[in-house]
Amino acid sequence: MDRGLVAPLSPNEEITLRRVAYGVVKAKRLQLAHLTRLKSLALIEDRNGVLNVTPMGRQRLTNSPVARLDKAPIAVDSSVAALAKALKVTKL
């Protein structure tokens, strides 16, 4: 089995992996030590200055016991719930 799939990650390294996967933060704002470790485990790669999750990194995220962001509930109050319902109806 590939080391990147089984090596323990710190909570902060897992967060960094998710941030790279979802593209929510620019690379320069992430901890260099976390990026270095994730690269050494072949979970992320740098392609022409852009960080990407590798197929192994995607597999790691899929198998993670942490709730996936795309499955997390988005409704925190009635106005957000209404917006979510409207978007679902219009299929935007």
PDB file of N, CA and C in Angstrom:
ATOM      1  N   MET A   1       0.853  -1.185   0.000  1.00  0.00           N
ATOM      2  CA  MET A   1       0.000   0.000   0.000  1.00  0.00           C
ATOM      3  C   MET A   1       0.894   1.241   0.000  1.00  0.00           C
ATOM      4  N   ASP A   2       0.440   2.275  -0.678  1.00  0.00           N
ATOM      5  CA  ASP A   2       1.206   3.517  -0.737  1.00  0.00           C
ATOM      6  C   ASP A   2       1.226   4.207   0.617  1.00  0.00           C
ATOM      7  N   ARG A   3       2.387   4.701   0.955  1.00  0.00           N
ATOM      8  CA  ARG A   3       2.587   5.354   2.253  1.00  0.00           C
ATOM      9  C   ARG A   3       1.641   6.543   2.441  1.00  0.00           C
ATOM     10  N   GLY A   4       1.372   7.275   1.369  1.00  0.00           N
ATOM     11  CA  GLY A   4       0.508   8.449   1.459  1.00  0.00           C
ATOM     12  C   GLY A   4      -0.908   8.134   1.899  1.00  0.00           C
ATOM     13  N   LEU A   5      -1.335   6.903   1.706  1.00  0.00           N
ATOM     14  CA  LEU A   5      -2.689   6.517   2.108  1.00  0.00           C
ATOM     15  C   LEU A   5      -2.789   6.130   3.571  1.00  0.00           C
ATOM     16  N   VAL A   6      -1.660   5.739   4.174  1.00  0.00           N
ATOM     17  CA  VAL A   6      -1.715   5.229   5.543  1.00  0.00           C
ATOM     18  C   VAL A   6      -0.937   6.064   6.555  1.00  0.00           C
ATOM     19  N   ALA A   7      -0.045   6.920   6.077  1.00  0.00           N
ATOM     20  CA  ALA A   7       0.752   7.731   7.009  1.00  0.00           C
ATOM     21  C   ALA A   7      -0.164   8.647   7.798  1.00  0.00           C
ATOM     22  N   PRO A   8       0.043   8.723   9.110  1.00  0.00           N
ATOM     23  CA  PRO A   8      -0.800   9.616   9.909  1.00  0.00           C
ATOM     24  C   PRO A   8      -0.533  11.072   9.542  1.00  0.00           C
ATOM     25  N   LEU A   9      -1.602  11.846   9.469  1.00  0.00           N
ATOM     26  CA  LEU A   9      -1.498  13.279   9.233  1.00  0.00           C
ATOM     27  C   LEU A   9      -1.967  14.007  10.481  1.00  0.00           C
ATOM     28  N   SER A  10      -1.320  15.110  10.770  1.00  0.00           N
ATOM     29  CA  SER A  10      -1.799  15.941  11.871  1.00  0.00           C
ATOM     30  C   SER A  10      -3.111  16.583  11.427  1.00  0.00           C
ATOM     31  N   PRO A  11      -3.919  17.030  12.370  1.00  0.00           N
ATOM     32  CA  PRO A  11      -5.153  17.727  11.985  1.00  0.00           C
ATOM     33  C   PRO A  11      -4.881  18.916  11.058  1.00  0.00           C
ATOM     34  N   ASN A  12      -3.798  19.636  11.306  1.00  0.00           N
ATOM     35  CA  ASN A  12      -3.479  20.784  10.456  1.00  0.00           C
ATOM     36  C   ASN A  12      -3.061  20.352   9.051  1.00  0.00           C
ATOM     37  N   GLU A  13      -2.361  19.231   8.934  1.00  0.00           N
ATOM     38  CA  GLU A  13      -1.992  18.716   7.609  1.00  0.00           C
ATOM     39  C   GLU A  13      -3.239  18.278   6.847  1.00  0.00           C
ATOM     40  N   GLU A  14      -4.190  17.661   7.539  1.00  0.00           N
ATOM     41  CA  GLU A  14      -5.448  17.272   6.892  1.00  0.00           C
ATOM     42  C   GLU A  14      -6.204  18.499   6.401  1.00  0.00           C
ATOM     43  N   ILE A  15      -6.227  19.536   7.212  1.00  0.00           N
ATOM     44  CA  ILE A  15      -6.895  20.776   6.816  1.00  0.00           C
ATOM     45  C   ILE A  15      -6.214  21.372   5.589  1.00  0.00           C
ATOM     46  N   THR A  16      -4.895  21.356   5.579  1.00  0.00           N
ATOM     47  CA  THR A  16      -4.150  21.875   4.432  1.00  0.00           C
ATOM     48  C   THR A  16      -4.478  21.068   3.182  1.00  0.00           C
ATOM     49  N   LEU A  17      -4.543  19.752   3.301  1.00  0.00           N
ATOM     50  CA  LEU A  17      -4.891  18.903   2.167  1.00  0.00           C
ATOM     51  C   LEU A  17      -6.275  19.266   1.635  1.00  0.00           C
ATOM     52  N   ARG A  18      -7.225  19.458   2.524  1.00  0.00           N
ATOM     53  CA  ARG A  18      -8.583  19.851   2.100  1.00  0.00           C
ATOM     54  C   ARG A  18      -8.587  21.235   1.455  1.00  0.00           C
ATOM     55  N   ARG A  19      -7.831  22.141   2.013  1.00  0.00           N
ATOM     56  CA  ARG A  19      -7.770  23.486   1.434  1.00  0.00           C
ATOM     57  C   ARG A  19      -7.200  23.455   0.020  1.00  0.00           C
ATOM     58  N   VAL A  20      -6.186  22.633  -0.197  1.00  0.00           N
ATOM     59  CA  VAL A  20      -5.637  22.493  -1.550  1.00  0.00           C
ATOM     60  C   VAL A  20      -6.699  21.866  -2.458  1.00  0.00           C
ATOM     61  N   ALA A  21      -7.376  20.831  -1.969  1.00  0.00           N
ATOM     62  CA  ALA A  21      -8.376  20.134  -2.778  1.00  0.00           C
ATOM     63  C   ALA A  21      -9.519  21.046  -3.192  1.00  0.00           C
ATOM     64  N   TYR A  22      -9.970  21.875  -2.280  1.00  0.00           N
ATOM     65  CA  TYR A  22     -11.108  22.739  -2.558  1.00  0.00           C
ATOM     66  C   TYR A  22     -10.692  24.111  -3.087  1.00  0.00           C
ATOM     67  N   GLY A  23      -9.393  24.377  -3.095  1.00  0.00           N
ATOM     68  CA  GLY A  23      -8.901  25.633  -3.652  1.00  0.00           C
ATOM     69  C   GLY A  23      -9.383  26.865  -2.907  1.00  0.00           C
ATOM     70  N   VAL A  24      -9.542  26.760  -1.604  1.00  0.00           N
ATOM     71  CA  VAL A  24     -10.097  27.868  -0.834  1.00  0.00           C
ATOM     72  C   VAL A  24      -9.054  28.862  -0.327  1.00  0.00           C
ATOM     73  N   VAL A  25      -7.771  28.504  -0.458  1.00  0.00           N
ATOM     74  CA  VAL A  25      -6.710  29.368   0.047  1.00  0.00           C
ATOM     75  C   VAL A  25      -5.560  29.355  -0.948  1.00  0.00           C
ATOM     76  N   LYS A  26      -4.933  30.496  -1.131  1.00  0.00           N
ATOM     77  CA  LYS A  26      -3.757  30.557  -1.999  1.00  0.00           C
ATOM     78  C   LYS A  26      -2.593  29.857  -1.318  1.00  0.00           C
ATOM     79  N   ALA A  27      -1.740  29.236  -2.132  1.00  0.00           N
ATOM     80  CA  ALA A  27      -0.629  28.435  -1.610  1.00  0.00           C
ATOM     81  C   ALA A  27       0.274  29.226  -0.680  1.00  0.00           C
ATOM     82  N   LYS A  28       0.491  30.492  -0.969  1.00  0.00           N
ATOM     83  CA  LYS A  28       1.394  31.285  -0.132  1.00  0.00           C
ATOM     84  C   LYS A  28       0.846  31.511   1.277  1.00  0.00           C
ATOM     85  N   ARG A  29      -0.435  31.253   1.489  1.00  0.00           N
ATOM     86  CA  ARG A  29      -1.041  31.423   2.808  1.00  0.00           C
ATOM     87  C   ARG A  29      -1.027  30.134   3.631  1.00  0.00           C
ATOM     88  N   LEU A  30      -0.567  29.032   3.037  1.00  0.00           N
ATOM     89  CA  LEU A  30      -0.521  27.747   3.729  1.00  0.00           C
ATOM     90  C   LEU A  30       0.853  27.531   4.355  1.00  0.00           C
ATOM     91  N   GLN A  31       0.904  26.720   5.392  1.00  0.00           N
ATOM     92  CA  GLN A  31       2.150  26.426   6.091  1.00  0.00           C
ATOM     93  C   GLN A  31       3.093  25.610   5.199  1.00  0.00           C
ATOM     94  N   LEU A  32       4.295  26.109   5.010  1.00  0.00           N
ATOM     95  CA  LEU A  32       5.277  25.439   4.164  1.00  0.00           C
ATOM     96  C   LEU A  32       5.574  24.030   4.669  1.00  0.00           C
ATOM     97  N   ALA A  33       5.665  23.850   5.979  1.00  0.00           N
ATOM     98  CA  ALA A  33       5.949  22.522   6.538  1.00  0.00           C
ATOM     99  C   ALA A  33       4.853  21.525   6.176  1.00  0.00           C
ATOM    100  N   HIS A  34       3.601  21.957   6.197  1.00  0.00           N
ATOM    101  CA  HIS A  34       2.490  21.074   5.840  1.00  0.00           C
ATOM    102  C   HIS A  34       2.551  20.722   4.358  1.00  0.00           C
ATOM    103  N   LEU A  35       2.807  21.718   3.523  1.00  0.00           N
ATOM    104  CA  LEU A  35       2.898  21.479   2.082  1.00  0.00           C
ATOM    105  C   LEU A  35       4.046  20.520   1.758  1.00  0.00           C
ATOM    106  N   THR A  36       5.166  20.711   2.412  1.00  0.00           N
ATOM    107  CA  THR A  36       6.328  19.853   2.182  1.00  0.00           C
ATOM    108  C   THR A  36       6.002  18.409   2.534  1.00  0.00           C
ATOM    109  N   ARG A  37       5.359  18.202   3.656  1.00  0.00           N
ATOM    110  CA  ARG A  37       5.002  16.836   4.081  1.00  0.00           C
ATOM    111  C   ARG A  37       4.003  16.211   3.136  1.00  0.00           C
ATOM    112  N   LEU A  38       2.981  16.973   2.725  1.00  0.00           N
ATOM    113  CA  LEU A  38       1.972  16.436   1.806  1.00  0.00           C
ATOM    114  C   LEU A  38       2.587  16.105   0.448  1.00  0.00           C
ATOM    115  N   LYS A  39       3.545  16.918   0.007  1.00  0.00           N
ATOM    116  CA  LYS A  39       4.251  16.617  -1.248  1.00  0.00           C
ATOM    117  C   LYS A  39       5.092  15.361  -1.095  1.00  0.00           C
ATOM    118  N   SER A  40       5.766  15.213   0.044  1.00  0.00           N
ATOM    119  CA  SER A  40       6.627  14.030   0.254  1.00  0.00           C
ATOM    120  C   SER A  40       5.807  12.743   0.303  1.00  0.00           C
ATOM    121  N   LEU A  41       4.544  12.844   0.700  1.00  0.00           N
ATOM    122  CA  LEU A  41       3.650  11.687   0.730  1.00  0.00           C
ATOM    123  C   LEU A  41       2.916  11.499  -0.599  1.00  0.00           C
ATOM    124  N   ALA A  42       3.206  12.365  -1.568  1.00  0.00           N
ATOM    125  CA  ALA A  42       2.585  12.329  -2.903  1.00  0.00           C
ATOM    126  C   ALA A  42       1.073  12.539  -2.842  1.00  0.00           C
ATOM    127  N   LEU A  43       0.633  13.362  -1.887  1.00  0.00           N
ATOM    128  CA  LEU A  43      -0.787  13.689  -1.779  1.00  0.00           C
ATOM    129  C   LEU A  43      -1.123  14.964  -2.546  1.00  0.00           C
ATOM    130  N   ILE A  44      -0.136  15.833  -2.719  1.00  0.00           N
ATOM    131  CA  ILE A  44      -0.309  17.033  -3.526  1.00  0.00           C
ATOM    132  C   ILE A  44       0.908  17.183  -4.431  1.00  0.00           C
ATOM    133  N   GLU A  45       0.752  17.998  -5.467  1.00  0.00           N
ATOM    134  CA  GLU A  45       1.853  18.294  -6.368  1.00  0.00           C
ATOM    135  C   GLU A  45       1.741  19.732  -6.834  1.00  0.00           C
ATOM    136  N   ASP A  46       2.853  20.249  -7.267  1.00  0.00           N
ATOM    137  CA  ASP A  46       2.913  21.612  -7.775  1.00  0.00           C
ATOM    138  C   ASP A  46       3.059  21.535  -9.284  1.00  0.00           C
ATOM    139  N   ARG A  47       2.044  22.026  -9.992  1.00  0.00           N
ATOM    140  CA  ARG A  47       2.088  22.044 -11.454  1.00  0.00           C
ATOM    141  C   ARG A  47       2.131  23.488 -11.920  1.00  0.00           C
ATOM    142  N   ASN A  48       3.296  23.899 -12.367  1.00  0.00           N
ATOM    143  CA  ASN A  48       3.473  25.265 -12.876  1.00  0.00           C
ATOM    144  C   ASN A  48       3.031  26.315 -11.859  1.00  0.00           C
ATOM    145  N   GLY A  49       3.389  26.100 -10.609  1.00  0.00           N
ATOM    146  CA  GLY A  49       3.081  27.063  -9.566  1.00  0.00           C
ATOM    147  C   GLY A  49       1.686  26.951  -8.979  1.00  0.00           C
ATOM    148  N   VAL A  50       0.920  25.954  -9.409  1.00  0.00           N
ATOM    149  CA  VAL A  50      -0.431  25.740  -8.892  1.00  0.00           C
ATOM    150  C   VAL A  50      -0.456  24.407  -8.157  1.00  0.00           C
ATOM    151  N   LEU A  51      -0.932  24.434  -6.917  1.00  0.00           N
ATOM    152  CA  LEU A  51      -1.026  23.203  -6.126  1.00  0.00           C
ATOM    153  C   LEU A  51      -2.265  22.419  -6.526  1.00  0.00           C
ATOM    154  N   ASN A  52      -2.090  21.111  -6.685  1.00  0.00           N
ATOM    155  CA  ASN A  52      -3.190  20.213  -7.026  1.00  0.00           C
ATOM    156  C   ASN A  52      -3.101  18.976  -6.148  1.00  0.00           C
ATOM    157  N   VAL A  53      -4.240  18.394  -5.882  1.00  0.00           N
ATOM    158  CA  VAL A  53      -4.284  17.130  -5.156  1.00  0.00           C
ATOM    159  C   VAL A  53      -4.049  16.015  -6.165  1.00  0.00           C
ATOM    160  N   THR A  54      -3.211  15.069  -5.812  1.00  0.00           N
ATOM    161  CA  THR A  54      -2.930  13.929  -6.680  1.00  0.00           C
ATOM    162  C   THR A  54      -4.077  12.916  -6.575  1.00  0.00           C
ATOM    163  N   PRO A  55      -4.115  11.952  -7.480  1.00  0.00           N
ATOM    164  CA  PRO A  55      -5.128  10.898  -7.341  1.00  0.00           C
ATOM    165  C   PRO A  55      -5.059  10.202  -5.972  1.00  0.00           C
ATOM    166  N   MET A  56      -3.843   9.988  -5.465  1.00  0.00           N
ATOM    167  CA  MET A  56      -3.720   9.385  -4.138  1.00  0.00           C
ATOM    168  C   MET A  56      -4.279  10.319  -3.062  1.00  0.00           C
ATOM    169  N   GLY A  57      -4.055  11.613  -3.229  1.00  0.00           N
ATOM    170  CA  GLY A  57      -4.607  12.586  -2.288  1.00  0.00           C
ATOM    171  C   GLY A  57      -6.124  12.581  -2.305  1.00  0.00           C
ATOM    172  N   ARG A  58      -6.715  12.463  -3.493  1.00  0.00           N
ATOM    173  CA  ARG A  58      -8.182  12.376  -3.611  1.00  0.00           C
ATOM    174  C   ARG A  58      -8.698  11.112  -2.913  1.00  0.00           C
ATOM    175  N   GLN A  59      -7.965  10.016  -3.105  1.00  0.00           N
ATOM    176  CA  GLN A  59      -8.360   8.767  -2.453  1.00  0.00           C
ATOM    177  C   GLN A  59      -8.290   8.922  -0.936  1.00  0.00           C
ATOM    178  N   ARG A  60      -7.245   9.580  -0.471  1.00  0.00           N
ATOM    179  CA  ARG A  60      -7.088   9.812   0.974  1.00  0.00           C
ATOM    180  C   ARG A  60      -8.269  10.621   1.508  1.00  0.00           C
ATOM    181  N   LEU A  61      -8.665  11.656   0.781  1.00  0.00           N
ATOM    182  CA  LEU A  61      -9.797  12.474   1.208  1.00  0.00           C
ATOM    183  C   LEU A  61     -11.102  11.687   1.181  1.00  0.00           C
ATOM    184  N   THR A  62     -11.282  10.874   0.164  1.00  0.00           N
ATOM    185  CA  THR A  62     -12.502  10.075   0.043  1.00  0.00           C
ATOM    186  C   THR A  62     -12.637   9.095   1.191  1.00  0.00           C
ATOM    187  N   ASN A  63     -11.514   8.531   1.605  1.00  0.00           N
ATOM    188  CA  ASN A  63     -11.529   7.530   2.683  1.00  0.00           C
ATOM    189  C   ASN A  63     -11.420   8.138   4.074  1.00  0.00           C
ATOM    190  N   SER A  64     -11.305   9.438   4.159  1.00  0.00           N
ATOM    191  CA  SER A  64     -11.136  10.107   5.446  1.00  0.00           C
ATOM    192  C   SER A  64     -12.398  10.002   6.293  1.00  0.00           C
ATOM    193  N   PRO A  65     -12.231   9.736   7.590  1.00  0.00           N
ATOM    194  CA  PRO A  65     -13.402   9.679   8.467  1.00  0.00           C
ATOM    195  C   PRO A  65     -13.991  11.053   8.767  1.00  0.00           C
ATOM    196  N   VAL A  66     -13.262  12.112   8.421  1.00  0.00           N
ATOM    197  CA  VAL A  66     -13.752  13.470   8.648  1.00  0.00           C
ATOM    198  C   VAL A  66     -14.854  13.753   7.640  1.00  0.00           C
ATOM    199  N   ALA A  67     -15.900  14.401   8.087  1.00  0.00           N
ATOM    200  CA  ALA A  67     -17.016  14.723   7.201  1.00  0.00           C
ATOM    201  C   ALA A  67     -16.537  15.522   5.997  1.00  0.00           C
ATOM    202  N   ARG A  68     -16.986  15.137   4.829  1.00  0.00           N
ATOM    203  CA  ARG A  68     -16.605  15.835   3.609  1.00  0.00           C
ATOM    204  C   ARG A  68     -17.344  17.163   3.537  1.00  0.00           C
ATOM    205  N   LEU A  69     -16.647  18.171   3.011  1.00  0.00           N
ATOM    206  CA  LEU A  69     -17.245  19.499   2.928  1.00  0.00           C
ATOM    207  C   LEU A  69     -18.463  19.527   2.010  1.00  0.00           C
ATOM    208  N   ASP A  70     -18.455  18.734   0.941  1.00  0.00           N
ATOM    209  CA  ASP A  70     -19.585  18.764   0.025  1.00  0.00           C
ATOM    210  C   ASP A  70     -20.804  18.026   0.576  1.00  0.00           C
ATOM    211  N   LYS A  71     -20.648  17.349   1.689  1.00  0.00           N
ATOM    212  CA  LYS A  71     -21.766  16.657   2.328  1.00  0.00           C
ATOM    213  C   LYS A  71     -22.209  17.354   3.613  1.00  0.00           C
ATOM    214  N   ALA A  72     -21.511  18.407   3.995  1.00  0.00           N
ATOM    215  CA  ALA A  72     -21.837  19.103   5.239  1.00  0.00           C
ATOM    216  C   ALA A  72     -23.126  19.898   5.057  1.00  0.00           C
ATOM    217  N   PRO A  73     -23.942  19.997   6.092  1.00  0.00           N
ATOM    218  CA  PRO A  73     -25.156  20.805   5.977  1.00  0.00           C
ATOM    219  C   PRO A  73     -24.796  22.271   5.789  1.00  0.00           C
ATOM    220  N   ILE A  74     -25.546  22.936   4.910  1.00  0.00           N
ATOM    221  CA  ILE A  74     -25.228  24.340   4.658  1.00  0.00           C
ATOM    222  C   ILE A  74     -26.209  25.292   5.325  1.00  0.00           C
ATOM    223  N   ALA A  75     -27.343  24.776   5.746  1.00  0.00           N
ATOM    224  CA  ALA A  75     -28.356  25.654   6.317  1.00  0.00           C
ATOM    225  C   ALA A  75     -28.039  25.947   7.777  1.00  0.00           C
ATOM    226  N   VAL A  76     -27.718  27.199   8.090  1.00  0.00           N
ATOM    227  CA  VAL A  76     -27.440  27.574   9.464  1.00  0.00           C
ATOM    228  C   VAL A  76     -28.557  28.424  10.046  1.00  0.00           C
ATOM    229  N   ASP A  77     -29.383  28.952   9.211  1.00  0.00           N
ATOM    230  CA  ASP A  77     -30.566  29.665   9.675  1.00  0.00           C
ATOM    231  C   ASP A  77     -31.612  29.617   8.566  1.00  0.00           C
ATOM    232  N   SER A  78     -32.773  30.164   8.809  1.00  0.00           N
ATOM    233  CA  SER A  78     -33.871  30.042   7.852  1.00  0.00           C
ATOM    234  C   SER A  78     -33.578  30.749   6.523  1.00  0.00           C
ATOM    235  N   SER A  79     -32.841  31.861   6.554  1.00  0.00           N
ATOM    236  CA  SER A  79     -32.562  32.565   5.301  1.00  0.00           C
ATOM    237  C   SER A  79     -31.604  31.771   4.417  1.00  0.00           C
ATOM    238  N   VAL A  80     -30.622  31.131   5.027  1.00  0.00           N
ATOM    239  CA  VAL A  80     -29.695  30.304   4.262  1.00  0.00           C
ATOM    240  C   VAL A  80     -30.425  29.065   3.739  1.00  0.00           C
ATOM    241  N   ALA A  81     -31.295  28.490   4.540  1.00  0.00           N
ATOM    242  CA  ALA A  81     -32.070  27.331   4.107  1.00  0.00           C
ATOM    243  C   ALA A  81     -32.948  27.694   2.916  1.00  0.00           C
ATOM    244  N   ALA A  82     -33.563  28.870   2.952  1.00  0.00           N
ATOM    245  CA  ALA A  82     -34.400  29.314   1.841  1.00  0.00           C
ATOM    246  C   ALA A  82     -33.576  29.501   0.573  1.00  0.00           C
ATOM    247  N   LEU A  83     -32.406  30.088   0.709  1.00  0.00           N
ATOM    248  CA  LEU A  83     -31.529  30.276  -0.441  1.00  0.00           C
ATOM    249  C   LEU A  83     -31.098  28.929  -1.016  1.00  0.00           C
ATOM    250  N   ALA A  84     -30.721  28.006  -0.156  1.00  0.00           N
ATOM    251  CA  ALA A  84     -30.313  26.674  -0.609  1.00  0.00           C
ATOM    252  C   ALA A  84     -31.450  25.988  -1.353  1.00  0.00           C
ATOM    253  N   LYS A  85     -32.660  26.124  -0.849  1.00  0.00           N
ATOM    254  CA  LYS A  85     -33.819  25.521  -1.494  1.00  0.00           C
ATOM    255  C   LYS A  85     -34.064  26.162  -2.856  1.00  0.00           C
ATOM    256  N   ALA A  86     -33.948  27.488  -2.928  1.00  0.00           N
ATOM    257  CA  ALA A  86     -34.145  28.187  -4.194  1.00  0.00           C
ATOM    258  C   ALA A  86     -33.098  27.771  -5.229  1.00  0.00           C
ATOM    259  N   LEU A  87     -31.858  27.643  -4.791  1.00  0.00           N
ATOM    260  CA  LEU A  87     -30.810  27.225  -5.705  1.00  0.00           C
ATOM    261  C   LEU A  87     -31.015  25.805  -6.194  1.00  0.00           C
ATOM    262  N   LYS A  88     -31.486  24.951  -5.314  1.00  0.00           N
ATOM    263  CA  LYS A  88     -31.746  23.563  -5.695  1.00  0.00           C
ATOM    264  C   LYS A  88     -32.876  23.487  -6.713  1.00  0.00           C
ATOM    265  N   VAL A  89     -33.897  24.295  -6.525  1.00  0.00           N
ATOM    266  CA  VAL A  89     -35.040  24.314  -7.436  1.00  0.00           C
ATOM    267  C   VAL A  89     -34.626  24.825  -8.810  1.00  0.00           C
ATOM    268  N   THR A  90     -33.774  25.859  -8.843  1.00  0.00           N
ATOM    269  CA  THR A  90     -33.355  26.425 -10.123  1.00  0.00           C
ATOM    270  C   THR A  90     -32.173  25.681 -10.729  1.00  0.00           C
ATOM    271  N   LYS A  91     -31.575  24.768  -9.967  1.00  0.00           N
ATOM    272  CA  LYS A  91     -30.448  23.941 -10.425  1.00  0.00           C
ATOM    273  C   LYS A  91     -29.288  24.763 -10.949  1.00  0.00           C
ATOM    274  N   LEU A  92     -28.910  25.774 -10.159  1.00  0.00           N
ATOM    275  CA  LEU A  92     -27.755  26.605 -10.524  1.00  0.00           C
ATOM    276  C   LEU A  92     -26.482  25.946 -10.141  1.00  0.00           C
TER     277      LEU A  92
END
